[in-house]
Structures are given as structure tokens and as C-alpha cells.
């Protein structure tokens, strides 16, 4: 495999901002309403976000070892190609480039459009979403450094809004709708914790946390990745875990469960109970605007996977091209943007798209963490500037919780899970066709 010929341009904080921005976005502002439908109790709902944070931290610890030992942009695509086989890496890249980045970009853009539409019914949701996707692609086409600066500013604003919502919910005088037991467990919670609904709800939480591995996709852009990347992954993930638990507590503290059930704009509902109508409207617009940070982070990170595929598959070598001077993989960026616009045109709902993609993306993170064990056995002498803290318990905990979710997701939502697998398997003949056409051994 080739090493990416780029000069690293991102320091610790810009890269950490990409991790935070990739995580704090569509999922945390939209998914609580779907969780309430299957888990209508305060303690299990908050525990969902705590468990999701533990899973993400364990995953970040494991990815930190792989990123330090195998420093190259591409994330799972690169790791699985080295650990298993280039075909497995290609399938991961195929999934990430389509349902992993392009589809969530469309999803976040639609959520932004829905927030604005709820405040201004005349606003066209899909047109606004498409305009946002195109604008951010244009901004990130300028240069790597410029994209990093945009990300830092948007992420700082997003974290400030989350903190404002949390503080507003905790201030004296706020109308609290929690039951007398507060957040303590009540009879029946144990049954909910081990129910299929709780496991499937973890898919929504996993989606909200899914950006914890974002920095692994841009390893080639980070200064001193062997030293910095594990710190970036851990810092970003830990910060977001604290924010998520606090923000969902704020939502549950001020908004009745029946009012949340099935709703997409949970942030707007909570703002309506925390502020005056004018301030609530402003907060709703701010949340909508800050969803651009999530779109921006995925617009920045996703093309690096497409570019890495282009470096390794000669037939797709045109995707590996970087713009002279700026270092931006412009063709990969345009390809991802076109796919995101295609998803917008198809018009899948939030829940359909999430369940469709959740199984496949969780499967690849599962295989990647298994790769920590395989790589240690197969290449014990490989330099590892960072080793997974708590090994082997940390990866085993991740695999246990992730595997439990995958099993229940397959049982409870077989059609969406199997559709995702079918999309994935379509990439296999494409891989062999592309590699064999140029006489490259698969």
C-alpha cells in the first residue's frame, strides 16, 4: 500500500474538533424521541447514553492502537485491508463512502431543513438541505487548513449551545417534569434494560456517537499521528460522552416523555420549554445552523476514504488526485457530494436510513476491534507507540456490547439489516472487477 504523499496540516485541536463535530450533531438532537418509544423510562434512557459513551471510549482506545501502529488515512478501510484482506478493506470503504458518510450527510442536512421548516413552514426542506451540502463542499474545496479552521469555529459554537441548554435546564426556577423518583430506577426498568428495544435503541445512540473514529479517517492530515491520534480520539470521545449524558438529562428534565415520543426535533421541543417564544425560535435556528458542523466534519473526513481507495485500486486512481497547493482530494470530495445529493433525492426517512446503515457500520467497527487481537498475534514486533489501555478487557467489552446490539438488530429489524448487508455485498464483485481488469491480484 502506498503512503499518502501529503504534508500533515492539522494540529491537535482542529483534529479533535473534527471528532467532536462528527459526534455532536444529528443523533443527539433527534434520536431521543425514537428511544422513548421503545424505552419509556428515565433511568434506562440515560443509561443508554452512558453505555453508548463506554462503548465509544472502548472503541477509541482500540482504534488508537491501530492508528498509531498503522498510520494512514482511511480508517477501517486501511486497517481491515492490512489485517484481513484488501477485499475486506474495500467493502469497508465501499460502505463508508456510501452509507457511512454520504447518507449521514444527507440525513444531517434533512434534519437541518426540518428544524428550519418547523420554524418557517414555507422553507423547502430538501432544497435547503441540498444548498447546505453544496456550500460546505465548496468551503472544504479551498484547502485542508481552511477546512480545519472552519471546523474549529463551528464546533466551538456547537459545544456552547449544548452547554447553554444544559445550564438552562438546571437553573433554579425551571419547570421540571421528572417523576418524583427523579432519575433513579423504578420497577420494570430491569426488564427494559435487557429487552430487544433497549438493544435496538443502542443503534440510535451508536449513530449519535458514531463520529468517535472520525480522526482515524484523516490520519495522513494530522501532525505526528503516532503520538497525537490516540490523544485526539480519547479527548474528543470523553468530552462528547459528558456532553451527551448532560444534554439528554436536560431534555428529559423539562420535556414530558409522551411529548418526546416519535419526535425528530427534540432540541426544539426542549428549547420551547426553557426559553421565551422568541428565544426558543432563535435557539431552534441556532441548532439548525450548527448541524452544519456535523455535515462539515463528514464532508472533510469522508473523501479521505475515497481517496485511499483510489490510491490502492488502479482503475479508480483518478479519485486519489489532490489539488496542487491546497492538498484537497477534490475529485473524491465531488464524488461524495454527488452521492449525498443522490440520497437527498431518494428521500429516505431518518429511521429507515439509520436502521439500514446501522447494522453494516457496526459490523465493520466490530471487525476492526477484533483486528487488535489479530494484529498482536500476527505482528507482535510491529512498533506500537500506543497500546490499548485495559487490554484485553477493553476490546472484549466493546465486542460484547456491540455484538449484543448487532444480534438484536438482526432479530428485530431483519429487513433493514439484510438490505444493508445486500448493499455491502454488491461491493464484492465490484472489487474483483476493478482489480482484475488491471491485472491486480485480489
Protein backbone atom coordinates (compact mmCIF):
# COMPACT_ATOMS: atom_id res chain seq x y z
CA UNK A 1 0.00 0.00 0.00
CA UNK A 2 1.12 3.47 -0.74
CA UNK A 3 1.59 6.14 1.84
CA UNK A 4 -0.34 9.30 1.26
CA UNK A 5 2.07 11.94 -0.08
CA UNK A 6 0.54 14.79 1.83
CA UNK A 7 2.15 17.12 4.32
CA UNK A 8 0.17 16.98 7.60
CA UNK A 9 -1.65 20.21 8.28
CA UNK A 10 -3.95 19.56 11.24
CA UNK A 11 -2.85 20.04 14.83
CA UNK A 12 -4.33 18.50 18.00
CA UNK A 13 -7.30 20.87 18.46
CA UNK A 14 -8.50 21.08 14.83
CA UNK A 15 -8.46 17.28 14.60
CA UNK A 16 -10.19 16.95 18.00
CA UNK A 17 -12.78 19.43 16.74
CA UNK A 18 -13.48 17.12 13.80
CA UNK A 19 -14.08 14.21 16.21
CA UNK A 20 -16.39 16.31 18.43
CA UNK A 21 -18.23 17.81 15.46
CA UNK A 22 -18.71 14.41 13.84
CA UNK A 23 -20.35 13.13 17.03
CA UNK A 24 -22.34 16.09 18.37
CA UNK A 25 -24.98 16.66 15.76
CA UNK A 26 -27.91 14.95 14.15
CA UNK A 27 -28.13 11.97 16.51
CA UNK A 28 -28.17 13.76 19.86
CA UNK A 29 -30.64 16.41 18.67
CA UNK A 30 -33.04 13.96 17.00
CA UNK A 31 -32.86 10.37 18.27
CA UNK A 32 -34.23 10.64 21.84
CA UNK A 33 -37.81 10.64 20.56
CA UNK A 34 -37.29 7.26 18.88
CA UNK A 35 -35.68 5.81 22.02
CA UNK A 36 -38.60 6.93 24.19
CA UNK A 37 -40.96 4.87 22.00
CA UNK A 38 -39.24 1.61 22.99
CA UNK A 39 -37.80 2.56 26.40
CA UNK A 40 -40.33 4.83 28.18
CA UNK A 41 -38.45 5.31 31.48
CA UNK A 42 -35.94 7.92 32.65
CA UNK A 43 -33.20 5.70 34.13
CA UNK A 44 -32.84 3.31 31.14
CA UNK A 45 -32.88 6.27 28.73
CA UNK A 46 -29.98 8.00 30.49
CA UNK A 47 -28.18 4.67 30.90
CA UNK A 48 -28.43 4.21 27.13
CA UNK A 49 -26.27 7.30 26.64
CA UNK A 50 -23.87 6.22 29.38
CA UNK A 51 -23.46 2.77 27.83
CA UNK A 52 -23.01 4.36 24.43
CA UNK A 53 -20.23 6.51 25.86
CA UNK A 54 -18.49 3.47 27.37
CA UNK A 55 -18.69 1.63 24.03
CA UNK A 56 -17.33 4.65 22.17
CA UNK A 57 -14.47 5.12 24.67
CA UNK A 58 -13.52 1.44 24.43
CA UNK A 59 -13.63 1.70 20.66
CA UNK A 60 -11.49 4.85 20.69
CA UNK A 61 -8.89 3.13 22.90
CA UNK A 62 -8.70 0.22 20.44
CA UNK A 63 -8.63 2.44 17.35
CA UNK A 64 -5.88 4.48 18.96
CA UNK A 65 -3.58 1.44 18.95
CA UNK A 66 -4.38 0.61 15.32
CA UNK A 67 -3.98 4.23 14.23
CA UNK A 68 -0.59 4.54 15.93
CA UNK A 69 0.64 1.20 14.54
CA UNK A 70 -0.81 1.70 11.03
CA UNK A 71 -0.73 5.49 10.46
CA UNK A 72 -2.52 6.28 7.23
CA UNK A 73 -5.77 8.00 6.25
CA UNK A 74 -8.72 5.75 5.51
CA UNK A 75 -9.85 4.42 8.90
CA UNK A 76 -11.40 0.94 8.75
CA UNK A 77 -10.61 0.71 5.04
CA UNK A 78 -6.90 0.82 5.77
CA UNK A 79 -6.95 -1.31 8.95
CA UNK A 80 -9.10 -4.11 7.52
CA UNK A 81 -7.06 -4.22 4.30
CA UNK A 82 -3.87 -4.80 6.30
CA UNK A 83 -5.32 -7.12 8.95
CA UNK A 84 -7.65 -9.28 6.87
CA UNK A 85 -7.52 -8.81 3.08
CA UNK A 86 -7.73 -5.87 0.65
CA UNK A 87 -11.19 -7.11 -0.39
CA UNK A 88 -12.46 -6.70 3.19
CA UNK A 89 -10.97 -3.22 3.31
CA UNK A 90 -12.61 -2.34 0.00
CA UNK A 91 -16.01 -3.47 1.30
CA UNK A 92 -15.50 -1.26 4.36
CA UNK A 93 -14.51 1.66 2.14
CA UNK A 94 -17.49 0.98 -0.12
CA UNK A 95 -19.81 1.04 2.89
CA UNK A 96 -18.17 4.12 4.43
CA UNK A 97 -18.14 6.10 1.20
CA UNK A 98 -21.84 5.42 0.58
CA UNK A 99 -23.92 4.69 3.68
CA UNK A 100 -21.18 5.73 6.13
CA UNK A 101 -20.63 9.32 5.02
CA UNK A 102 -22.75 10.33 2.02
CA UNK A 103 -26.01 9.08 3.57
CA UNK A 104 -25.43 10.67 7.02
CA UNK A 105 -24.50 13.95 5.31
CA UNK A 106 -27.88 13.83 3.61
CA UNK A 107 -29.53 12.83 6.88
CA UNK A 108 -27.99 15.73 8.81
CA UNK A 109 -28.92 18.13 6.01
CA UNK A 110 -32.53 16.93 6.10
CA UNK A 111 -32.60 17.35 9.90
CA UNK A 112 -31.35 20.91 9.42
CA UNK A 113 -34.08 21.51 6.84
CA UNK A 114 -36.74 20.05 9.14
CA UNK A 115 -35.70 22.32 12.02
CA UNK A 116 -35.92 25.39 9.77
CA UNK A 117 -39.19 24.18 8.22
CA UNK A 118 -40.78 23.76 11.66
CA UNK A 119 -39.96 27.39 12.41
CA UNK A 120 -40.70 28.67 8.89
CA UNK A 121 -43.21 26.34 7.17
CA UNK A 122 -42.58 27.94 3.78
CA UNK A 123 -38.91 26.83 3.82
CA UNK A 124 -38.35 23.93 1.37
CA UNK A 125 -36.65 21.12 3.33
CA UNK A 126 -34.87 19.28 0.52
CA UNK A 127 -33.77 22.41 -1.34
CA UNK A 128 -32.30 23.90 1.84
CA UNK A 129 -30.56 20.59 2.60
CA UNK A 130 -29.03 20.41 -0.89
CA UNK A 131 -27.85 24.03 -0.73
CA UNK A 132 -26.13 23.36 2.62
CA UNK A 133 -24.35 20.27 1.28
CA UNK A 134 -23.10 22.18 -1.77
CA UNK A 135 -21.97 25.22 0.24
CA UNK A 136 -19.90 23.15 2.69
CA UNK A 137 -18.37 21.14 -0.14
CA UNK A 138 -17.32 24.45 -1.71
CA UNK A 139 -15.75 25.64 1.57
CA UNK A 140 -13.80 22.42 2.03
CA UNK A 141 -12.56 22.50 -1.55
CA UNK A 142 -10.36 25.51 -0.71
CA UNK A 143 -7.63 23.92 1.43
CA UNK A 144 -7.01 21.47 4.26
CA UNK A 145 -6.02 24.24 6.69
CA UNK A 146 -9.07 26.35 5.83
CA UNK A 147 -11.35 23.36 6.35
CA UNK A 148 -9.75 22.73 9.73
CA UNK A 149 -10.32 26.34 10.82
CA UNK A 150 -13.97 26.21 9.73
CA UNK A 151 -14.37 23.06 11.79
CA UNK A 152 -12.89 24.56 14.96
CA UNK A 153 -15.23 27.59 14.81
CA UNK A 154 -18.38 25.56 14.12
CA UNK A 155 -17.54 23.02 16.82
CA UNK A 156 -16.87 25.69 19.45
CA UNK A 157 -20.27 27.23 18.70
CA UNK A 158 -21.96 23.83 18.87
CA UNK A 159 -20.46 22.99 22.26
CA UNK A 160 -21.53 26.41 23.56
CA UNK A 161 -25.15 25.77 22.50
CA UNK A 162 -25.15 22.35 24.20
CA UNK A 163 -23.80 23.94 27.40
CA UNK A 164 -26.44 26.70 27.24
CA UNK A 165 -29.22 24.09 27.01
CA UNK A 166 -27.78 22.10 29.93
CA UNK A 167 -27.31 25.16 32.15
CA UNK A 168 -30.78 26.47 31.28
CA UNK A 169 -32.36 23.14 32.26
CA UNK A 170 -30.50 23.12 35.60
CA UNK A 171 -31.11 26.73 36.60
CA UNK A 172 -33.40 27.46 39.60
CA UNK A 173 -36.99 28.12 38.64
CA UNK A 174 -37.04 25.87 35.58
CA UNK A 175 -40.23 23.80 35.34
CA UNK A 176 -39.18 20.19 36.00
CA UNK A 177 -41.29 17.31 34.64
CA UNK A 178 -39.24 14.42 36.05
CA UNK A 179 -41.23 11.93 38.17
CA UNK A 180 -40.83 12.03 41.98
CA UNK A 181 -38.20 9.27 41.73
CA UNK A 182 -36.07 11.53 39.52
CA UNK A 183 -33.51 9.58 37.52
CA UNK A 184 -33.45 6.64 39.96
CA UNK A 185 -34.51 3.17 38.73
CA UNK A 186 -38.17 2.21 39.13
CA UNK A 187 -39.90 -1.19 38.99
CA UNK A 188 -39.81 -2.53 35.45
CA UNK A 189 -36.54 -0.83 34.49
CA UNK A 190 -34.56 -4.08 34.77
CA UNK A 191 -36.87 -5.69 32.21
CA UNK A 192 -36.38 -2.73 29.86
CA UNK A 193 -32.58 -2.89 30.19
CA UNK A 194 -32.47 -6.44 28.83
CA UNK A 195 -35.22 -6.03 26.26
CA UNK A 196 -34.75 -6.07 22.47
CA UNK A 197 -35.98 -2.45 22.40
CA UNK A 198 -33.06 -1.35 24.60
CA UNK A 199 -30.56 -3.14 22.34
CA UNK A 200 -32.09 -1.64 19.20
CA UNK A 201 -32.13 1.80 20.88
CA UNK A 202 -28.37 1.42 21.24
CA UNK A 203 -28.25 1.66 17.44
CA UNK A 204 -29.65 5.20 17.70
CA UNK A 205 -27.13 6.00 20.43
CA UNK A 206 -24.31 4.41 18.43
CA UNK A 207 -25.28 6.60 15.49
CA UNK A 208 -25.06 9.68 17.73
CA UNK A 209 -21.60 8.56 18.93
CA UNK A 210 -20.51 7.30 15.51
CA UNK A 211 -18.01 10.11 14.89
CA UNK A 212 -15.67 8.89 17.65
CA UNK A 213 -13.47 7.28 15.00
CA UNK A 214 -13.52 10.28 12.63
CA UNK A 215 -9.88 11.26 13.21
CA UNK A 216 -8.79 7.79 12.10
CA UNK A 217 -10.01 8.64 8.59
CA UNK A 218 -7.69 11.66 8.32
CA UNK A 219 -4.52 10.23 9.87
CA UNK A 220 -2.49 11.46 6.89
CA UNK A 221 -3.58 15.05 7.58
CA UNK A 222 -2.53 15.04 11.28
CA UNK A 223 0.84 16.23 12.55
CA UNK A 224 2.74 13.40 14.36
CA UNK A 225 -0.20 10.94 14.18
CA UNK A 226 1.54 8.18 16.19
CA UNK A 227 1.62 10.50 19.20
CA UNK A 228 -1.41 12.72 18.62
CA UNK A 229 -4.08 10.45 17.16
CA UNK A 230 -4.77 8.33 20.28
CA UNK A 231 -4.97 11.54 22.36
CA UNK A 232 -7.32 13.11 19.80
CA UNK A 233 -9.65 10.09 19.76
CA UNK A 234 -9.79 9.82 23.56
CA UNK A 235 -10.15 13.54 24.25
CA UNK A 236 -12.91 14.02 21.70
CA UNK A 237 -14.85 10.92 22.76
CA UNK A 238 -14.65 11.63 26.51
CA UNK A 239 -15.75 15.23 26.03
CA UNK A 240 -18.74 14.20 23.93
CA UNK A 241 -19.80 11.43 26.36
CA UNK A 242 -20.09 14.01 29.16
CA UNK A 243 -22.00 16.43 26.92
CA UNK A 244 -24.40 13.73 25.70
CA UNK A 245 -25.42 12.49 29.13
CA UNK A 246 -25.84 16.08 30.33
CA UNK A 247 -27.85 17.18 27.28
CA UNK A 248 -30.23 14.21 27.36
CA UNK A 249 -30.76 14.75 31.07
CA UNK A 250 -31.66 18.36 30.22
CA UNK A 251 -34.15 17.21 27.57
CA UNK A 252 -35.77 14.68 29.94
CA UNK A 253 -35.81 17.13 32.85
CA UNK A 254 -38.00 19.68 31.09
CA UNK A 255 -39.96 17.74 28.42
CA UNK A 256 -42.60 15.07 29.23
CA UNK A 257 -41.93 11.62 27.75
CA UNK A 258 -45.25 11.50 25.82
CA UNK A 259 -44.37 14.80 24.17
CA UNK A 260 -40.96 13.46 23.09
CA UNK A 261 -42.16 10.12 21.73
CA UNK A 262 -41.57 9.80 17.99
CA UNK A 263 -40.48 13.43 17.59
CA UNK A 264 -37.46 14.38 15.48
CA UNK A 265 -36.84 17.97 16.67
CA UNK A 266 -36.29 17.18 20.38
CA UNK A 267 -33.89 20.10 20.76
CA UNK A 268 -36.54 22.49 19.56
CA UNK A 269 -39.15 20.98 21.91
CA UNK A 270 -36.84 21.43 24.90
CA UNK A 271 -35.94 24.99 23.86
CA UNK A 272 -39.65 25.81 23.75
CA UNK A 273 -39.95 24.90 27.43
CA UNK A 274 -36.71 26.59 28.52
CA UNK A 275 -36.96 29.99 26.83
CA UNK A 276 -39.42 32.61 25.71
CA UNK A 277 -41.00 32.03 22.28
CA UNK A 278 -38.57 34.46 20.61
CA UNK A 279 -35.51 32.91 22.28
CA UNK A 280 -36.79 29.38 21.59
CA UNK A 281 -37.10 30.25 17.92
CA UNK A 282 -33.59 31.69 17.92
CA UNK A 283 -32.28 28.55 19.65
CA UNK A 284 -34.04 26.36 17.08
CA UNK A 285 -32.40 28.29 14.26
CA UNK A 286 -29.04 28.06 16.06
CA UNK A 287 -29.36 24.28 16.40
CA UNK A 288 -30.25 24.05 12.72
CA UNK A 289 -27.24 26.20 11.80
CA UNK A 290 -24.92 24.16 14.00
CA UNK A 291 -25.95 20.94 12.30
CA UNK A 292 -23.76 22.32 9.53
CA UNK A 293 -20.82 21.43 11.78
CA UNK A 294 -21.73 17.74 11.53
CA UNK A 295 -22.14 17.99 7.76
CA UNK A 296 -18.85 19.89 7.58
CA UNK A 297 -16.93 17.25 9.57
CA UNK A 298 -18.20 14.40 7.38
CA UNK A 299 -17.59 16.45 4.24
CA UNK A 300 -13.98 16.83 5.38
CA UNK A 301 -13.31 13.26 6.55
CA UNK A 302 -15.28 11.13 4.08
CA UNK A 303 -13.33 11.94 0.89
CA UNK A 304 -10.13 10.67 2.56
CA UNK A 305 -11.59 7.14 2.38
CA UNK A 306 -12.50 7.55 -1.29
CA UNK A 307 -9.00 8.93 -1.92
CA UNK A 308 -7.35 5.97 -0.14
CA UNK A 309 -9.34 3.53 -2.30
CA UNK A 310 -8.15 5.42 -5.37
CA UNK A 311 -4.54 5.05 -4.22
CA UNK A 312 -4.86 1.26 -3.96
CA UNK A 313 -7.18 0.36 -6.87
CA UNK A 314 -5.57 1.41 -10.18
CA UNK A 315 -8.89 1.62 -12.03
CA UNK A 316 -10.01 4.27 -9.51
CA UNK A 317 -6.66 6.08 -9.39
CA UNK A 318 -8.31 9.32 -10.59
CA UNK A 319 -10.01 9.55 -7.18
CA UNK A 320 -6.62 9.79 -5.42
CA UNK A 321 -5.74 13.10 -7.08
CA UNK A 322 -5.05 16.06 -4.78
CA UNK A 323 -5.27 19.66 -5.87
CA UNK A 324 -1.78 21.18 -6.22
CA UNK A 325 -1.10 23.64 -3.45
CA UNK A 326 -4.25 23.06 -1.38
CA UNK A 327 -3.82 19.28 -0.90
CA UNK A 328 -7.61 18.78 -1.14
CA UNK A 329 -8.76 15.45 -2.70
CA UNK A 330 -11.19 17.39 -4.89
CA UNK A 331 -12.39 14.53 -7.08
CA UNK A 332 -13.13 12.37 -4.05
CA UNK A 333 -14.93 15.33 -2.45
CA UNK A 334 -17.07 15.87 -5.56
CA UNK A 335 -17.88 12.14 -5.73
CA UNK A 336 -19.05 12.07 -2.11
CA UNK A 337 -21.07 15.26 -2.58
CA UNK A 338 -22.81 13.78 -5.62
CA UNK A 339 -23.73 10.65 -3.61
CA UNK A 340 -25.09 12.78 -0.76
CA UNK A 341 -27.28 14.70 -3.20
CA UNK A 342 -28.49 11.38 -4.59
CA UNK A 343 -29.56 10.26 -1.10
CA UNK A 344 -31.41 13.56 -0.71
CA UNK A 345 -33.26 12.89 -3.94
CA UNK A 346 -34.25 9.36 -2.84
CA UNK A 347 -35.95 10.75 0.27
CA UNK A 348 -35.44 8.02 2.90
CA UNK A 349 -36.72 8.86 6.39
CA UNK A 350 -34.44 9.27 9.41
CA UNK A 351 -35.44 5.95 10.97
CA UNK A 352 -35.30 3.97 7.71
CA UNK A 353 -31.85 5.27 6.87
CA UNK A 354 -30.50 4.77 10.39
CA UNK A 355 -31.60 1.14 10.68
CA UNK A 356 -30.45 0.48 7.11
CA UNK A 357 -26.93 1.73 7.77
CA UNK A 358 -26.59 0.85 11.47
CA UNK A 359 -26.03 -2.88 11.11
CA UNK A 360 -23.35 -2.61 8.43
CA UNK A 361 -21.37 0.18 10.08
CA UNK A 362 -21.49 -1.56 13.48
CA UNK A 363 -20.32 -4.77 11.83
CA UNK A 364 -17.19 -3.08 10.49
CA UNK A 365 -16.29 -1.47 13.81
CA UNK A 366 -16.73 -4.95 15.36
CA UNK A 367 -14.33 -6.48 12.81
CA UNK A 368 -11.85 -3.64 13.30
CA UNK A 369 -11.66 -4.12 17.08
CA UNK A 370 -11.27 -7.89 16.57
CA UNK A 371 -8.31 -6.84 14.42
CA UNK A 372 -6.49 -5.54 17.52
CA UNK A 373 -6.20 -9.16 18.74
CA UNK A 374 -5.29 -10.49 15.29
CA UNK A 375 -2.59 -7.87 14.67
CA UNK A 376 -0.96 -8.52 18.05
CA UNK A 377 -0.81 -12.24 17.30
CA UNK A 378 0.29 -11.92 13.69
CA UNK A 379 2.71 -8.99 14.01
CA UNK A 380 3.93 -8.84 17.62
CA UNK A 381 7.07 -6.91 16.62
CA UNK A 382 5.15 -4.09 14.90
CA UNK A 383 6.02 -0.76 16.61
CA UNK A 384 3.11 0.31 18.80
CA UNK A 385 3.71 3.81 20.22
CA UNK A 386 0.35 3.46 21.95
CA UNK A 387 -1.21 0.25 23.31
CA UNK A 388 -4.88 -0.13 24.19
CA UNK A 389 -5.42 0.73 27.84
CA UNK A 390 -7.05 -2.15 29.73
CA UNK A 391 -6.29 -4.76 27.07
CA UNK A 392 -7.82 -7.36 26.67
CA UNK A 393 -10.84 -6.30 28.77
CA UNK A 394 -11.38 -3.03 26.87
CA UNK A 395 -11.80 -4.60 23.41
CA UNK A 396 -13.76 -7.52 24.86
CA UNK A 397 -16.23 -5.11 26.49
CA UNK A 398 -16.64 -3.27 23.19
CA UNK A 399 -17.15 -6.52 21.28
CA UNK A 400 -19.63 -7.86 23.82
CA UNK A 401 -21.88 -4.77 23.81
CA UNK A 402 -21.56 -4.22 20.08
CA UNK A 403 -22.22 -7.89 19.30
CA UNK A 404 -25.30 -7.89 21.55
CA UNK A 405 -26.68 -4.90 19.64
CA UNK A 406 -25.95 -6.48 16.26
CA UNK A 407 -27.74 -9.69 17.25
CA UNK A 408 -30.90 -7.95 18.44
CA UNK A 409 -30.89 -5.57 15.47
CA UNK A 410 -30.81 -8.52 13.09
CA UNK A 411 -33.64 -10.20 15.01
CA UNK A 412 -35.86 -7.16 15.46
CA UNK A 413 -35.27 -5.41 12.14
CA UNK A 414 -34.22 -8.14 9.69
CA UNK A 415 -35.39 -6.35 6.53
CA UNK A 416 -33.34 -3.18 7.14
CA UNK A 417 -30.30 -5.15 8.35
CA UNK A 418 -30.37 -7.57 5.41
CA UNK A 419 -30.88 -4.70 2.96
CA UNK A 420 -27.74 -3.09 4.36
CA UNK A 421 -25.83 -6.36 4.02
CA UNK A 422 -27.04 -6.72 0.43
CA UNK A 423 -25.76 -3.25 -0.40
CA UNK A 424 -22.45 -4.21 1.18
CA UNK A 425 -22.15 -7.47 -0.77
CA UNK A 426 -22.73 -5.62 -4.04
CA UNK A 427 -19.30 -4.10 -3.49
CA UNK A 428 -17.58 -7.51 -3.60
CA UNK A 429 -17.99 -8.24 -7.34
CA UNK A 430 -17.15 -4.59 -7.98
CA UNK A 431 -13.84 -5.03 -6.13
CA UNK A 432 -12.81 -8.10 -8.11
CA UNK A 433 -13.92 -6.49 -11.37
CA UNK A 434 -11.89 -3.35 -10.71
CA UNK A 435 -8.76 -5.17 -9.57
CA UNK A 436 -8.77 -7.97 -12.15
CA UNK A 437 -9.37 -5.59 -15.06
CA UNK A 438 -5.93 -4.11 -14.44
CA UNK A 439 -4.34 -7.41 -13.59
CA UNK A 440 -4.02 -6.61 -9.90
CA UNK A 441 -4.11 -9.60 -7.60
CA UNK A 442 -7.09 -9.55 -5.32
